Amino acid sequence: MPMIPASLLGVRSELPVACHLDAGRLDLDEYTQQNRRAARQAWLRAEGARVGSQRPARRRPRDPEEVAILTQLAKARLDRAIASGEFAGVEKRRYRLRVFG
């Protein structure tokens, strides 16, 4: 049974410490067994914060029919925005998008 000093674990009370403490040392196997779920949740939160809130890139390429439909929808949306004055070209490579009123 490996024993590790409690001070070396560096756990910031995000994980519950519910295991046998003996003179500042704890049983790592017991600690791991009792706190596996909390450790996984803490790890997932940390990974989510590290990676950011961005969705991962699409791994599977779109089929040609889906690409054509999405392109047609995007063009129709742009044409509606231009016709309503919501989107306007100000000068070369500069545009104005009116979101509110």
Protein backbone atom coordinates (compact mmCIF):
# COMPACT_ATOMS: atom_id res chain seq x y z
CA MET A 1 0.00 0.00 0.00
CA PRO A 2 1.79 3.20 -1.12
CA MET A 3 1.73 6.04 1.39
CA ILE A 4 2.10 9.66 0.31
CA PRO A 5 2.40 12.68 2.62
CA ALA A 6 -0.88 14.63 2.56
CA SER A 7 0.99 17.88 2.04
CA LEU A 8 2.44 16.61 -1.27
CA LEU A 9 -0.93 15.91 -2.87
CA GLY A 10 -1.63 19.57 -3.50
CA VAL A 11 -5.40 19.05 -3.53
CA ARG A 12 -7.21 22.34 -3.02
CA SER A 13 -10.25 21.03 -1.18
CA GLU A 14 -12.08 20.61 -4.50
CA LEU A 15 -11.89 16.91 -3.83
CA PRO A 16 -13.24 15.61 -0.56
CA VAL A 17 -10.55 14.14 1.63
CA ALA A 18 -12.34 11.17 3.16
CA CYS A 19 -9.72 8.58 3.85
CA HIS A 20 -7.57 7.28 6.65
CA LEU A 21 -5.14 9.95 7.84
CA ASP A 22 -2.28 8.74 9.97
CA ALA A 23 0.22 11.33 11.23
CA GLY A 24 -0.03 13.49 8.10
CA ARG A 25 0.07 10.56 5.68
CA LEU A 26 -2.76 8.97 3.74
CA ASP A 27 -3.35 5.79 1.87
CA LEU A 28 -3.33 6.67 -1.84
CA ASP A 29 -5.27 3.58 -2.90
CA GLU A 30 -8.03 4.30 -0.39
CA TYR A 31 -8.09 8.00 -1.35
CA THR A 32 -8.31 7.18 -5.06
CA GLN A 33 -11.06 4.63 -4.54
CA GLN A 34 -13.21 6.94 -2.44
CA ASN A 35 -12.75 10.06 -4.56
CA ARG A 36 -12.70 8.68 -8.10
CA ARG A 37 -15.98 10.32 -9.19
CA ALA A 38 -15.16 13.72 -7.69
CA ALA A 39 -11.68 13.59 -9.22
CA ARG A 40 -13.11 12.84 -12.65
CA GLN A 41 -15.58 15.72 -12.41
CA ALA A 42 -12.81 18.09 -11.29
CA TRP A 43 -10.60 16.91 -14.15
CA LEU A 44 -13.40 17.44 -16.69
CA ARG A 45 -14.02 20.96 -15.36
CA ALA A 46 -10.31 21.75 -15.54
CA GLU A 47 -10.02 20.39 -19.09
CA GLY A 48 -13.07 22.36 -20.17
CA ALA A 49 -11.57 25.55 -18.76
CA ARG A 50 -8.18 24.83 -20.33
CA VAL A 51 -9.50 24.07 -23.78
CA GLY A 52 -12.09 26.84 -23.69
CA SER A 53 -15.69 26.81 -24.62
CA GLN A 54 -15.06 26.28 -28.32
CA ARG A 55 -16.61 23.26 -29.93
CA PRO A 56 -14.18 20.81 -31.48
CA ALA A 57 -13.71 20.97 -35.23
CA ARG A 58 -15.98 18.88 -37.39
CA ARG A 59 -14.17 15.64 -38.13
CA ARG A 60 -16.37 14.24 -40.86
CA PRO A 61 -16.59 16.16 -44.15
CA ARG A 62 -20.01 17.35 -45.24
CA ASP A 63 -21.63 15.64 -48.19
CA PRO A 64 -22.00 17.76 -51.38
CA GLU A 65 -25.78 18.04 -51.03
CA GLU A 66 -25.47 19.42 -47.50
CA VAL A 67 -22.81 21.92 -48.65
CA ALA A 68 -25.08 23.12 -51.48
CA ILE A 69 -28.07 23.57 -49.15
CA LEU A 70 -26.05 25.41 -46.50
CA THR A 71 -24.51 27.69 -49.13
CA GLN A 72 -27.95 28.49 -50.56
CA LEU A 73 -29.31 29.28 -47.07
CA ALA A 74 -26.33 31.53 -46.27
CA LYS A 75 -26.75 33.44 -49.54
CA ALA A 76 -30.47 33.90 -48.93
CA ARG A 77 -29.78 35.21 -45.42
CA LEU A 78 -27.16 37.65 -46.74
CA ASP A 79 -29.50 38.87 -49.50
CA ARG A 80 -32.28 39.48 -46.93
CA ALA A 81 -29.87 41.41 -44.70
CA ILE A 82 -28.71 43.59 -47.60
CA ALA A 83 -32.28 44.24 -48.79
CA SER A 84 -33.45 45.27 -45.30
CA GLY A 85 -30.43 47.53 -44.71
CA GLU A 86 -29.22 45.41 -41.81
CA PHE A 87 -25.95 44.71 -43.66
CA ALA A 88 -24.30 47.34 -45.83
CA GLY A 89 -20.95 47.85 -47.49
CA VAL A 90 -19.25 51.01 -46.18
CA GLU A 91 -16.16 50.92 -48.37
CA LYS A 92 -13.84 48.33 -49.81
CA ARG A 93 -13.55 45.43 -47.33
CA ARG A 94 -15.50 47.34 -44.65
CA TYR A 95 -19.08 46.54 -43.76
CA ARG A 96 -21.72 47.67 -41.29
CA LEU A 97 -24.01 45.26 -39.52
CA ARG A 98 -27.01 46.88 -37.82
CA VAL A 99 -28.12 44.56 -35.07
CA PHE A 100 -30.26 46.91 -32.97
CA GLY A 101 -32.80 49.11 -34.74
